[in-house]
Amino acid sequence: MKIVGILVAFLGFVISLASVALGSNGARLGVIVLGIVVSLFGILGILNAAHLKYAIWKTGAGTE
């Protein structure tokens, strides 16, 4: 799942980067916002959930 989260975050970056090819400012802004939303979903939704699955406070590591 971590790899999927990283790929989705990178996809959001690529979407934002693709807005450079657009001519109108309104369309460019819309594509940039879409890329930011996709990146945040990849980071906060997928990647964070995968990280919290093995959180140190859930495994009990360090409590002898």
PDB file of N, CA and C in Angstrom:
ATOM      1  N   MET A   1       0.808  -1.189   0.000  1.00  0.00           N
ATOM      2  CA  MET A   1       0.000   0.000   0.000  1.00  0.00           C
ATOM      3  C   MET A   1       0.857   1.261   0.000  1.00  0.00           C
ATOM      4  N   LYS A   2       2.039   1.168   0.582  1.00  0.00           N
ATOM      5  CA  LYS A   2       2.911   2.347   0.605  1.00  0.00           C
ATOM      6  C   LYS A   2       3.320   2.748  -0.810  1.00  0.00           C
ATOM      7  N   ILE A   3       3.595   1.752  -1.632  1.00  0.00           N
ATOM      8  CA  ILE A   3       3.979   2.034  -3.020  1.00  0.00           C
ATOM      9  C   ILE A   3       2.818   2.688  -3.764  1.00  0.00           C
ATOM     10  N   VAL A   4       1.597   2.214  -3.525  1.00  0.00           N
ATOM     11  CA  VAL A   4       0.420   2.793  -4.178  1.00  0.00           C
ATOM     12  C   VAL A   4       0.248   4.245  -3.742  1.00  0.00           C
ATOM     13  N   GLY A   5       0.427   4.524  -2.462  1.00  0.00           N
ATOM     14  CA  GLY A   5       0.319   5.897  -1.968  1.00  0.00           C
ATOM     15  C   GLY A   5       1.351   6.816  -2.591  1.00  0.00           C
ATOM     16  N   ILE A   6       2.566   6.323  -2.722  1.00  0.00           N
ATOM     17  CA  ILE A   6       3.623   7.117  -3.348  1.00  0.00           C
ATOM     18  C   ILE A   6       3.308   7.363  -4.821  1.00  0.00           C
ATOM     19  N   LEU A   7       2.802   6.339  -5.503  1.00  0.00           N
ATOM     20  CA  LEU A   7       2.469   6.504  -6.922  1.00  0.00           C
ATOM     21  C   LEU A   7       1.303   7.473  -7.121  1.00  0.00           C
ATOM     22  N   VAL A   8       0.314   7.432  -6.242  1.00  0.00           N
ATOM     23  CA  VAL A   8      -0.815   8.363  -6.362  1.00  0.00           C
ATOM     24  C   VAL A   8      -0.348   9.793  -6.093  1.00  0.00           C
ATOM     25  N   ALA A   9       0.514   9.976  -5.104  1.00  0.00           N
ATOM     26  CA  ALA A   9       1.047  11.308  -4.829  1.00  0.00           C
ATOM     27  C   ALA A   9       1.864  11.814  -6.019  1.00  0.00           C
ATOM     28  N   PHE A  10       2.635  10.943  -6.628  1.00  0.00           N
ATOM     29  CA  PHE A  10       3.416  11.330  -7.809  1.00  0.00           C
ATOM     30  C   PHE A  10       2.505  11.631  -8.995  1.00  0.00           C
ATOM     31  N   LEU A  11       1.407  10.880  -9.120  1.00  0.00           N
ATOM     32  CA  LEU A  11       0.442  11.148 -10.180  1.00  0.00           C
ATOM     33  C   LEU A  11      -0.157  12.543 -10.020  1.00  0.00           C
ATOM     34  N   GLY A  12      -0.442  12.945  -8.790  1.00  0.00           N
ATOM     35  CA  GLY A  12      -0.935  14.298  -8.554  1.00  0.00           C
ATOM     36  C   GLY A  12       0.070  15.347  -8.971  1.00  0.00           C
ATOM     37  N   PHE A  13       1.346  15.083  -8.718  1.00  0.00           N
ATOM     38  CA  PHE A  13       2.402  16.000  -9.154  1.00  0.00           C
ATOM     39  C   PHE A  13       2.441  16.094 -10.679  1.00  0.00           C
ATOM     40  N   VAL A  14       2.311  14.964 -11.339  1.00  0.00           N
ATOM     41  CA  VAL A  14       2.346  14.948 -12.805  1.00  0.00           C
ATOM     42  C   VAL A  14       1.132  15.675 -13.376  1.00  0.00           C
ATOM     43  N   ILE A  15      -0.032  15.518 -12.739  1.00  0.00           N
ATOM     44  CA  ILE A  15      -1.225  16.237 -13.197  1.00  0.00           C
ATOM     45  C   ILE A  15      -1.000  17.743 -13.081  1.00  0.00           C
ATOM     46  N   SER A  16      -0.450  18.177 -11.958  1.00  0.00           N
ATOM     47  CA  SER A  16      -0.172  19.611 -11.797  1.00  0.00           C
ATOM     48  C   SER A  16       0.868  20.097 -12.801  1.00  0.00           C
ATOM     49  N   LEU A  17       1.844  19.277 -13.053  1.00  0.00           N
ATOM     50  CA  LEU A  17       2.880  19.639 -14.012  1.00  0.00           C
ATOM     51  C   LEU A  17       2.312  19.741 -15.430  1.00  0.00           C
ATOM     52  N   ALA A  18       1.308  18.938 -15.736  1.00  0.00           N
ATOM     53  CA  ALA A  18       0.709  18.959 -17.071  1.00  0.00           C
ATOM     54  C   ALA A  18      -0.056  20.249 -17.328  1.00  0.00           C
ATOM     55  N   SER A  19      -0.366  21.001 -16.281  1.00  0.00           N
ATOM     56  CA  SER A  19      -1.113  22.244 -16.473  1.00  0.00           C
ATOM     57  C   SER A  19      -0.282  23.308 -17.181  1.00  0.00           C
ATOM     58  N   VAL A  20       1.001  23.125 -17.271  1.00  0.00           N
ATOM     59  CA  VAL A  20       1.859  24.091 -17.947  1.00  0.00           C
ATOM     60  C   VAL A  20       1.496  24.185 -19.431  1.00  0.00           C
ATOM     61  N   ALA A  21       1.019  23.101 -19.995  1.00  0.00           N
ATOM     62  CA  ALA A  21       0.700  23.068 -21.422  1.00  0.00           C
ATOM     63  C   ALA A  21      -0.626  23.743 -21.742  1.00  0.00           C
ATOM     64  N   LEU A  22      -1.415  24.090 -20.742  1.00  0.00           N
ATOM     65  CA  LEU A  22      -2.720  24.694 -20.990  1.00  0.00           C
ATOM     66  C   LEU A  22      -2.589  26.191 -21.231  1.00  0.00           C
ATOM     67  N   GLY A  23      -3.516  26.717 -22.012  1.00  0.00           N
ATOM     68  CA  GLY A  23      -3.441  28.124 -22.375  1.00  0.00           C
ATOM     69  C   GLY A  23      -4.191  29.048 -21.434  1.00  0.00           C
ATOM     70  N   SER A  24      -5.376  28.659 -21.039  1.00  0.00           N
ATOM     71  CA  SER A  24      -6.187  29.576 -20.240  1.00  0.00           C
ATOM     72  C   SER A  24      -5.859  29.440 -18.758  1.00  0.00           C
ATOM     73  N   ASN A  25      -5.925  30.572 -18.067  1.00  0.00           N
ATOM     74  CA  ASN A  25      -5.581  30.569 -16.651  1.00  0.00           C
ATOM     75  C   ASN A  25      -6.596  29.815 -15.811  1.00  0.00           C
ATOM     76  N   GLY A  26      -7.858  29.873 -16.183  1.00  0.00           N
ATOM     77  CA  GLY A  26      -8.890  29.166 -15.440  1.00  0.00           C
ATOM     78  C   GLY A  26      -8.710  27.661 -15.513  1.00  0.00           C
ATOM     79  N   ALA A  27      -8.421  27.164 -16.699  1.00  0.00           N
ATOM     80  CA  ALA A  27      -8.190  25.731 -16.874  1.00  0.00           C
ATOM     81  C   ALA A  27      -6.919  25.309 -16.147  1.00  0.00           C
ATOM     82  N   ARG A  28      -5.907  26.138 -16.215  1.00  0.00           N
ATOM     83  CA  ARG A  28      -4.647  25.837 -15.536  1.00  0.00           C
ATOM     84  C   ARG A  28      -4.855  25.736 -14.027  1.00  0.00           C
ATOM     85  N   LEU A  29      -5.615  26.675 -13.478  1.00  0.00           N
ATOM     86  CA  LEU A  29      -5.896  26.659 -12.045  1.00  0.00           C
ATOM     87  C   LEU A  29      -6.690  25.414 -11.663  1.00  0.00           C
ATOM     88  N   GLY A  30      -7.667  25.047 -12.479  1.00  0.00           N
ATOM     89  CA  GLY A  30      -8.461  23.850 -12.197  1.00  0.00           C
ATOM     90  C   GLY A  30      -7.635  22.585 -12.195  1.00  0.00           C
ATOM     91  N   VAL A  31      -6.726  22.467 -13.149  1.00  0.00           N
ATOM     92  CA  VAL A  31      -5.877  21.280 -13.229  1.00  0.00           C
ATOM     93  C   VAL A  31      -4.890  21.245 -12.058  1.00  0.00           C
ATOM     94  N   ILE A  32      -4.388  22.402 -11.663  1.00  0.00           N
ATOM     95  CA  ILE A  32      -3.470  22.445 -10.529  1.00  0.00           C
ATOM     96  C   ILE A  32      -4.188  22.026  -9.247  1.00  0.00           C
ATOM     97  N   VAL A  33      -5.406  22.527  -9.055  1.00  0.00           N
ATOM     98  CA  VAL A  33      -6.171  22.148  -7.867  1.00  0.00           C
ATOM     99  C   VAL A  33      -6.478  20.652  -7.882  1.00  0.00           C
ATOM    100  N   LEU A  34      -6.810  20.103  -9.037  1.00  0.00           N
ATOM    101  CA  LEU A  34      -7.039  18.669  -9.155  1.00  0.00           C
ATOM    102  C   LEU A  34      -5.776  17.883  -8.785  1.00  0.00           C
ATOM    103  N   GLY A  35      -4.628  18.335  -9.259  1.00  0.00           N
ATOM    104  CA  GLY A  35      -3.372  17.664  -8.919  1.00  0.00           C
ATOM    105  C   GLY A  35      -3.069  17.724  -7.443  1.00  0.00           C
ATOM    106  N   ILE A  36      -3.351  18.857  -6.807  1.00  0.00           N
ATOM    107  CA  ILE A  36      -3.129  18.977  -5.359  1.00  0.00           C
ATOM    108  C   ILE A  36      -4.048  18.044  -4.598  1.00  0.00           C
ATOM    109  N   VAL A  37      -5.310  17.959  -5.022  1.00  0.00           N
ATOM    110  CA  VAL A  37      -6.261  17.070  -4.350  1.00  0.00           C
ATOM    111  C   VAL A  37      -5.829  15.614  -4.490  1.00  0.00           C
ATOM    112  N   VAL A  38      -5.393  15.221  -5.673  1.00  0.00           N
ATOM    113  CA  VAL A  38      -4.935  13.844  -5.880  1.00  0.00           C
ATOM    114  C   VAL A  38      -3.697  13.564  -5.025  1.00  0.00           C
ATOM    115  N   SER A  39      -2.769  14.502  -4.958  1.00  0.00           N
ATOM    116  CA  SER A  39      -1.574  14.317  -4.142  1.00  0.00           C
ATOM    117  C   SER A  39      -1.919  14.197  -2.662  1.00  0.00           C
ATOM    118  N   LEU A  40      -2.803  15.056  -2.184  1.00  0.00           N
ATOM    119  CA  LEU A  40      -3.200  14.981  -0.781  1.00  0.00           C
ATOM    120  C   LEU A  40      -3.927  13.683  -0.465  1.00  0.00           C
ATOM    121  N   PHE A  41      -4.745  13.208  -1.393  1.00  0.00           N
ATOM    122  CA  PHE A  41      -5.395  11.918  -1.184  1.00  0.00           C
ATOM    123  C   PHE A  41      -4.363  10.803  -1.093  1.00  0.00           C
ATOM    124  N   GLY A  42      -3.346  10.843  -1.948  1.00  0.00           N
ATOM    125  CA  GLY A  42      -2.303   9.818  -1.904  1.00  0.00           C
ATOM    126  C   GLY A  42      -1.508   9.864  -0.614  1.00  0.00           C
ATOM    127  N   ILE A  43      -1.220  11.075  -0.134  1.00  0.00           N
ATOM    128  CA  ILE A  43      -0.402  11.218   1.075  1.00  0.00           C
ATOM    129  C   ILE A  43      -1.217  10.961   2.334  1.00  0.00           C
ATOM    130  N   LEU A  44      -2.334  11.690   2.470  1.00  0.00           N
ATOM    131  CA  LEU A  44      -3.106  11.617   3.707  1.00  0.00           C
ATOM    132  C   LEU A  44      -4.056  10.424   3.750  1.00  0.00           C
ATOM    133  N   GLY A  45      -4.531   9.996   2.605  1.00  0.00           N
ATOM    134  CA  GLY A  45      -5.492   8.903   2.586  1.00  0.00           C
ATOM    135  C   GLY A  45      -4.836   7.535   2.533  1.00  0.00           C
ATOM    136  N   ILE A  46      -4.012   7.319   1.554  1.00  0.00           N
ATOM    137  CA  ILE A  46      -3.447   5.984   1.336  1.00  0.00           C
ATOM    138  C   ILE A  46      -2.163   5.778   2.128  1.00  0.00           C
ATOM    139  N   LEU A  47      -1.219   6.698   1.972  1.00  0.00           N
ATOM    140  CA  LEU A  47       0.090   6.525   2.593  1.00  0.00           C
ATOM    141  C   LEU A  47       0.015   6.587   4.113  1.00  0.00           C
ATOM    142  N   ASN A  48      -0.776   7.514   4.647  1.00  0.00           N
ATOM    143  CA  ASN A  48      -0.903   7.625   6.093  1.00  0.00           C
ATOM    144  C   ASN A  48      -1.600   6.399   6.677  1.00  0.00           C
ATOM    145  N   ALA A  49      -2.611   5.894   5.991  1.00  0.00           N
ATOM    146  CA  ALA A  49      -3.305   4.696   6.473  1.00  0.00           C
ATOM    147  C   ALA A  49      -2.368   3.491   6.482  1.00  0.00           C
ATOM    148  N   ALA A  50      -1.534   3.372   5.467  1.00  0.00           N
ATOM    149  CA  ALA A  50      -0.576   2.265   5.428  1.00  0.00           C
ATOM    150  C   ALA A  50       0.468   2.411   6.531  1.00  0.00           C
ATOM    151  N   HIS A  51       0.845   3.639   6.830  1.00  0.00           N
ATOM    152  CA  HIS A  51       1.821   3.867   7.898  1.00  0.00           C
ATOM    153  C   HIS A  51       1.205   3.558   9.263  1.00  0.00           C
ATOM    154  N   LEU A  52      -0.018   3.978   9.476  1.00  0.00           N
ATOM    155  CA  LEU A  52      -0.666   3.767  10.771  1.00  0.00           C
ATOM    156  C   LEU A  52      -1.020   2.309  11.022  1.00  0.00           C
ATOM    157  N   LYS A  53      -1.032   1.500   9.971  1.00  0.00           N
ATOM    158  CA  LYS A  53      -1.324   0.079  10.133  1.00  0.00           C
ATOM    159  C   LYS A  53      -0.274  -0.592  11.013  1.00  0.00           C
ATOM    160  N   TYR A  54       0.961  -0.147  10.920  1.00  0.00           N
ATOM    161  CA  TYR A  54       2.055  -0.723  11.700  1.00  0.00           C
ATOM    162  C   TYR A  54       2.633   0.304  12.664  1.00  0.00           C
ATOM    163  N   ALA A  55       1.782   1.102  13.267  1.00  0.00           N
ATOM    164  CA  ALA A  55       2.254   2.141  14.189  1.00  0.00           C
ATOM    165  C   ALA A  55       2.844   1.514  15.439  1.00  0.00           C
ATOM    166  N   ILE A  56       3.809   2.212  16.039  1.00  0.00           N
ATOM    167  CA  ILE A  56       4.531   1.671  17.168  1.00  0.00           C
ATOM    168  C   ILE A  56       3.619   1.496  18.392  1.00  0.00           C
ATOM    169  N   TRP A  57       2.610   2.342  18.542  1.00  0.00           N
ATOM    170  CA  TRP A  57       1.739   2.227  19.703  1.00  0.00           C
ATOM    171  C   TRP A  57       0.716   1.114  19.553  1.00  0.00           C
ATOM    172  N   LYS A  58       0.543   0.597  18.324  1.00  0.00           N
ATOM    173  CA  LYS A  58      -0.372  -0.517  18.113  1.00  0.00           C
ATOM    174  C   LYS A  58       0.317  -1.863  18.279  1.00  0.00           C
ATOM    175  N   THR A  59       1.620  -1.907  18.049  1.00  0.00           N
ATOM    176  CA  THR A  59       2.336  -3.171  18.146  1.00  0.00           C
ATOM    177  C   THR A  59       2.817  -3.453  19.557  1.00  0.00           C
ATOM    178  N   GLY A  60       2.890  -2.415  20.363  1.00  0.00           N
ATOM    179  CA  GLY A  60       3.381  -2.598  21.728  1.00  0.00           C
ATOM    180  C   GLY A  60       4.891  -2.689  21.810  1.00  0.00           C
ATOM    181  N   ALA A  61       5.580  -2.290  20.765  1.00  0.00           N
ATOM    182  CA  ALA A  61       7.043  -2.335  20.767  1.00  0.00           C
ATOM    183  C   ALA A  61       7.581  -1.324  21.760  1.00  0.00           C
ATOM    184  N   GLY A  62       8.581  -1.715  22.483  1.00  0.00           N
ATOM    185  CA  GLY A  62       9.209  -0.837  23.446  1.00  0.00           C
ATOM    186  C   GLY A  62       8.595  -0.909  24.824  1.00  0.00           C
ATOM    187  N   THR A  63       7.595  -1.745  25.011  1.00  0.00           N
ATOM    188  CA  THR A  63       6.995  -1.901  26.351  1.00  0.00           C
ATOM    189  C   THR A  63       7.351  -3.280  26.872  1.00  0.00           C
ATOM    190  N   GLU A  64       8.472  -3.344  27.561  1.00  0.00           N
ATOM    191  CA  GLU A  64       8.922  -4.623  28.108  1.00  0.00           C
ATOM    192  C   GLU A  64       8.270  -4.913  29.410  1.00  0.00           C
TER     193      GLU A  64
END
